[in-house]
């Protein structure tokens, strides 16, 4: 079965599921016209299948389609946009204000 990605709320994130089981996610917060991605995770049992890249790509596509700017705080998302130059025009630098917008756990 193909992995599926869907947006969730509380917390705000995009989840990727395999055969109905949540395998990973990328969390974000929207702030002043930007979507700040701050954490991406894939469960170890689903590692090595490219799921992180799939969920991040679809999250970035959704963000672009919603007319929001991308801010990559998460190391995985940052590396993804650096290695996929098609995203360069949609990405903004991280500011202190953006860092303050990230929810504390």
Protein backbone atom coordinates (compact mmCIF):
# COMPACT_ATOMS: atom_id res chain seq x y z
CA UNK A 1 0.00 0.00 0.00
CA UNK A 2 1.20 3.53 -0.80
CA UNK A 3 2.02 5.84 2.10
CA UNK A 4 -0.51 8.64 2.64
CA UNK A 5 0.10 12.14 3.97
CA UNK A 6 -2.51 14.24 5.72
CA UNK A 7 -2.54 17.41 7.75
CA UNK A 8 -3.45 17.20 11.42
CA UNK A 9 -4.18 19.76 14.13
CA UNK A 10 -3.25 19.87 17.81
CA UNK A 11 -0.37 19.68 17.29
CA UNK A 12 -0.12 21.20 13.82
CA UNK A 13 1.69 18.70 11.63
CA UNK A 14 1.66 16.64 8.48
CA UNK A 15 1.59 12.90 9.17
CA UNK A 16 2.62 10.06 6.89
CA UNK A 17 0.89 6.71 7.36
CA UNK A 18 1.68 3.26 6.01
CA UNK A 19 -1.15 0.73 6.00
CA UNK A 20 -3.10 2.92 8.43
CA UNK A 21 -0.25 3.30 10.93
CA UNK A 22 1.31 6.72 11.53
CA UNK A 23 4.95 6.27 10.53
CA UNK A 24 6.19 9.84 10.90
CA UNK A 25 5.43 13.53 10.81
CA UNK A 26 6.75 17.04 10.35
CA UNK A 27 5.53 19.64 12.86
CA UNK A 28 5.03 23.32 12.12
CA UNK A 29 3.59 26.57 13.36
CA UNK A 30 2.13 29.29 11.13
CA UNK A 31 3.35 32.80 11.96
CA UNK A 32 2.99 36.08 10.04
CA UNK A 33 2.58 34.53 6.60
CA UNK A 34 5.21 31.86 7.15
CA UNK A 35 5.05 28.20 8.05
CA UNK A 36 7.88 27.35 10.43
CA UNK A 37 8.90 23.68 10.32
CA UNK A 38 10.60 22.80 13.59
CA UNK A 39 10.56 19.00 14.02
CA UNK A 40 10.47 15.96 11.74
CA UNK A 41 10.46 12.37 12.92
CA UNK A 42 9.98 8.88 11.50
CA UNK A 43 9.50 5.87 13.78
CA UNK A 44 12.54 3.56 13.73
CA UNK A 45 10.53 0.62 12.38
CA UNK A 46 9.74 2.70 9.28
CA UNK A 47 13.26 4.07 8.79
CA UNK A 48 15.11 3.78 5.51
CA UNK A 49 11.99 3.93 3.34
CA UNK A 50 12.22 7.58 2.31
CA UNK A 51 9.14 8.52 4.32
CA UNK A 52 10.65 11.66 5.85
CA UNK A 53 11.33 13.02 2.39
CA UNK A 54 7.82 12.18 1.24
CA UNK A 55 6.07 13.87 4.16
CA UNK A 56 8.31 16.94 3.95
CA UNK A 57 7.84 17.28 0.18
CA UNK A 58 4.06 17.14 0.50
CA UNK A 59 4.10 19.54 3.47
CA UNK A 60 6.18 22.01 1.46
CA UNK A 61 3.88 21.69 -1.55
CA UNK A 62 0.86 22.39 0.64
CA UNK A 63 2.61 25.37 2.21
CA UNK A 64 3.47 26.83 -1.19
CA UNK A 65 -0.06 26.20 -2.47
CA UNK A 66 -1.49 28.05 0.55
CA UNK A 67 0.67 31.06 -0.31
CA UNK A 68 2.82 30.79 2.83
CA UNK A 69 6.59 31.18 3.04
CA UNK A 70 8.73 28.27 4.29
CA UNK A 71 11.01 28.62 7.30
CA UNK A 72 13.22 25.59 8.00
CA UNK A 73 14.25 25.32 11.65
CA UNK A 74 14.17 21.50 11.66
CA UNK A 75 17.56 20.16 10.50
CA UNK A 76 15.89 17.64 8.18
CA UNK A 77 13.70 20.24 6.47
CA UNK A 78 16.65 22.63 6.24
CA UNK A 79 18.76 19.98 4.49
CA UNK A 80 15.84 19.04 2.23
CA UNK A 81 15.33 22.58 0.92
CA UNK A 82 19.10 23.07 0.53
CA UNK A 83 19.40 19.95 -1.64
CA UNK A 84 16.20 20.57 -3.63
CA UNK A 85 16.86 23.95 -5.21
CA UNK A 86 13.32 24.24 -6.59
CA UNK A 87 12.31 25.38 -3.09
CA UNK A 88 14.87 28.20 -2.79
CA UNK A 89 12.49 30.95 -3.89
CA UNK A 90 9.93 29.89 -1.25
CA UNK A 91 12.26 29.77 1.77
CA UNK A 92 12.97 32.58 4.23
CA UNK A 93 15.74 32.86 6.81
CA UNK A 94 15.02 32.08 10.44
CA UNK A 95 14.61 35.11 12.69
CA UNK A 96 14.45 35.41 16.46
CA UNK A 97 10.77 36.32 16.20
CA UNK A 98 10.13 33.09 14.30
CA UNK A 99 12.02 31.05 16.89
CA UNK A 100 9.87 32.60 19.64
CA UNK A 101 6.74 31.48 17.77
CA UNK A 102 7.67 27.78 18.11
CA UNK A 103 5.55 26.13 20.82
CA UNK A 104 7.46 24.95 23.88
CA UNK A 105 6.91 21.41 25.08
